[in-house]
N, C-alpha and C. Protein backbone atom coordinates (compact mmCIF):
# COMPACT_ATOMS: atom_id res chain seq x y z
N MET A 1 -23.62 -20.28 -27.17
CA MET A 1 -22.99 -19.18 -26.32
C MET A 1 -21.92 -19.64 -25.48
N SER A 2 -21.12 -18.76 -25.45
CA SER A 2 -19.89 -19.36 -24.60
C SER A 2 -20.07 -18.59 -23.15
N GLU A 3 -19.63 -19.26 -22.45
CA GLU A 3 -19.80 -18.77 -20.97
C GLU A 3 -18.33 -18.02 -20.46
N ALA A 4 -18.37 -16.96 -20.08
CA ALA A 4 -16.96 -16.12 -19.93
C ALA A 4 -17.19 -15.50 -18.35
N SER A 5 -16.25 -15.68 -17.82
CA SER A 5 -16.18 -14.80 -16.57
C SER A 5 -15.09 -13.78 -16.43
N ILE A 6 -15.34 -12.68 -15.69
CA ILE A 6 -14.67 -11.77 -15.81
C ILE A 6 -13.93 -11.67 -14.50
N GLU A 7 -12.59 -11.54 -14.61
CA GLU A 7 -11.76 -11.35 -13.27
C GLU A 7 -11.66 -10.03 -12.82
N SER A 8 -11.67 -9.99 -11.30
CA SER A 8 -11.68 -8.60 -10.82
C SER A 8 -10.07 -8.10 -10.79
N ASP A 9 -9.86 -6.76 -10.89
CA ASP A 9 -8.51 -6.44 -10.70
C ASP A 9 -8.62 -5.61 -9.39
N MET A 10 -9.29 -5.99 -8.55
CA MET A 10 -9.40 -5.41 -7.21
C MET A 10 -7.96 -5.45 -6.45
N ASP A 11 -7.44 -6.46 -6.38
CA ASP A 11 -6.29 -6.78 -5.76
C ASP A 11 -4.96 -5.70 -6.35
N VAL A 12 -5.06 -5.37 -7.56
CA VAL A 12 -4.23 -4.61 -8.28
C VAL A 12 -4.40 -3.03 -7.83
N GLY A 13 -5.78 -2.75 -7.76
CA GLY A 13 -6.12 -1.34 -7.51
C GLY A 13 -5.87 -1.29 -5.74
N VAL A 14 -6.10 -2.09 -5.15
CA VAL A 14 -6.07 -1.78 -3.51
C VAL A 14 -4.47 -1.89 -3.36
N ALA A 15 -3.69 -2.72 -3.86
CA ALA A 15 -2.33 -2.75 -3.82
C ALA A 15 -1.61 -1.32 -4.17
N LEU A 16 -1.98 -0.94 -5.39
CA LEU A 16 -1.59 0.19 -5.87
C LEU A 16 -1.73 1.55 -4.99
N ALA A 17 -3.04 1.75 -4.19
CA ALA A 17 -3.53 2.58 -3.54
C ALA A 17 -2.71 2.73 -2.07
N LEU A 18 -2.68 1.48 -1.56
CA LEU A 18 -2.04 1.45 -0.43
C LEU A 18 -0.63 1.75 -0.69
N GLY A 19 0.08 1.11 -1.59
CA GLY A 19 1.43 1.31 -2.09
C GLY A 19 1.80 2.88 -2.38
N ALA A 20 0.83 3.56 -2.81
CA ALA A 20 1.06 5.04 -2.95
C ALA A 20 1.09 5.66 -1.52
N ILE A 21 0.33 5.20 -0.52
CA ILE A 21 0.39 5.89 0.87
C ILE A 21 1.49 5.54 1.50
N ALA A 22 1.92 4.26 1.08
CA ALA A 22 3.30 3.91 1.60
C ALA A 22 4.55 4.65 1.20
N VAL A 23 4.54 5.16 -0.02
CA VAL A 23 5.42 5.87 -0.59
C VAL A 23 5.33 7.44 0.05
N VAL A 24 4.19 7.95 0.45
CA VAL A 24 4.23 9.33 1.22
C VAL A 24 4.62 9.00 2.44
N GLY A 25 4.35 7.79 3.13
CA GLY A 25 5.02 7.73 4.34
C GLY A 25 6.46 7.61 4.25
N ALA A 26 7.11 7.08 3.35
CA ALA A 26 8.68 6.94 3.27
C ALA A 26 9.03 8.41 2.91
N VAL A 27 8.49 9.22 2.17
CA VAL A 27 8.73 10.66 2.00
C VAL A 27 8.74 11.35 3.26
N VAL A 28 7.88 11.25 4.06
CA VAL A 28 7.80 11.73 5.43
C VAL A 28 8.95 11.14 6.24
N LEU A 29 9.36 10.01 6.03
CA LEU A 29 10.63 9.33 6.86
C LEU A 29 11.87 10.08 6.61
N PHE A 30 12.10 10.47 5.29
CA PHE A 30 13.32 10.99 4.91
C PHE A 30 13.13 12.51 4.81
N GLY A 31 12.02 13.17 4.92
CA GLY A 31 11.77 14.53 4.82
C GLY A 31 11.54 15.36 6.10
N HIS A 32 11.08 14.77 7.01
CA HIS A 32 10.68 15.40 8.43
C HIS A 32 11.72 15.72 9.07
N PRO A 33 11.95 16.98 9.58
CA PRO A 33 13.02 17.25 10.45
C PRO A 33 13.26 16.73 11.85
N SER A 34 12.15 16.46 12.48
CA SER A 34 12.29 15.74 13.89
C SER A 34 12.19 14.33 13.85
N GLN A 35 12.76 13.59 15.06
CA GLN A 35 13.00 12.30 15.08
C GLN A 35 11.53 11.55 15.19
N ILE A 36 10.72 12.27 15.88
CA ILE A 36 9.29 11.62 16.14
C ILE A 36 8.46 11.67 14.65
N GLY A 37 8.73 12.51 13.91
CA GLY A 37 8.25 12.56 12.64
C GLY A 37 8.61 11.52 11.73
N LYS A 38 10.02 11.48 11.73
CA LYS A 38 10.72 10.34 11.01
C LYS A 38 10.00 8.93 11.42
N ALA A 39 9.77 8.76 12.78
CA ALA A 39 9.32 7.49 13.33
C ALA A 39 7.94 7.23 12.81
N TRP A 40 7.13 8.35 12.92
CA TRP A 40 5.74 8.28 12.34
C TRP A 40 5.54 7.89 10.83
N GLY A 41 6.76 8.58 10.02
CA GLY A 41 6.82 8.09 8.40
C GLY A 41 7.08 6.68 8.60
N PHE A 42 8.05 6.17 9.11
CA PHE A 42 8.60 4.86 9.08
C PHE A 42 7.33 3.92 9.27
N GLY A 43 6.74 4.12 10.46
CA GLY A 43 5.36 3.44 10.93
C GLY A 43 4.44 3.28 9.70
N ALA A 44 4.06 4.42 9.15
CA ALA A 44 3.13 4.65 8.01
C ALA A 44 3.56 3.75 6.90
N ALA A 45 4.83 3.92 6.68
CA ALA A 45 5.44 3.18 5.19
C ALA A 45 5.19 1.77 5.43
N PHE A 46 5.79 1.31 6.56
CA PHE A 46 5.77 -0.29 7.00
C PHE A 46 4.41 -0.85 7.24
N LEU A 47 3.40 0.22 7.78
CA LEU A 47 2.26 -0.48 7.76
C LEU A 47 1.58 -0.63 6.36
N PHE A 48 1.46 0.46 5.51
CA PHE A 48 0.60 0.37 4.51
C PHE A 48 1.58 -0.39 3.42
N ALA A 49 2.68 -0.67 3.42
CA ALA A 49 3.33 -1.65 2.51
C ALA A 49 3.05 -3.00 3.09
N LEU A 50 2.77 -3.38 4.17
CA LEU A 50 2.23 -4.81 4.64
C LEU A 50 1.01 -4.99 4.34
N CYS A 51 0.26 -4.02 4.38
CA CYS A 51 -1.30 -3.90 3.96
C CYS A 51 -1.45 -4.26 2.65
N SER A 52 -0.56 -3.49 1.58
CA SER A 52 -0.57 -3.65 0.24
C SER A 52 -0.23 -5.22 -0.11
N VAL A 53 0.66 -5.81 0.47
CA VAL A 53 1.03 -7.20 0.25
C VAL A 53 -0.19 -8.11 0.71
N VAL A 54 -0.95 -7.80 1.91
CA VAL A 54 -1.94 -8.51 2.28
C VAL A 54 -2.98 -8.44 1.48
N ALA A 55 -3.39 -7.35 0.66
CA ALA A 55 -4.37 -7.12 -0.18
C ALA A 55 -4.19 -7.90 -1.30
N VAL A 56 -2.89 -8.15 -1.61
CA VAL A 56 -2.70 -8.99 -3.02
C VAL A 56 -3.22 -10.35 -2.67
N GLN A 57 -2.73 -10.98 -1.42
CA GLN A 57 -3.01 -12.06 -1.01
C GLN A 57 -4.34 -12.55 -0.75
N VAL A 58 -5.23 -11.42 -0.22
CA VAL A 58 -6.53 -11.64 0.07
C VAL A 58 -7.31 -11.77 -1.20
N TYR A 59 -7.23 -10.89 -2.08
CA TYR A 59 -8.08 -10.54 -3.23
C TYR A 59 -7.59 -11.70 -4.39
N ASP A 60 -6.54 -12.34 -4.23
CA ASP A 60 -6.11 -13.13 -5.49
C ASP A 60 -6.96 -14.49 -5.38
């Protein structure tokens, strides 16, 4: 019998989920009419993009 290990794709899944939220933040950044809404969109896009990269590094 051969021993086989199954790799987890959790890093890809978490990175894609956080990346999707970052895209929503970028849409808010470009679509919100007020300056404070644009700032919140930028903050969300930046934070979730950063968390996406960290998730790939942690689960790798």
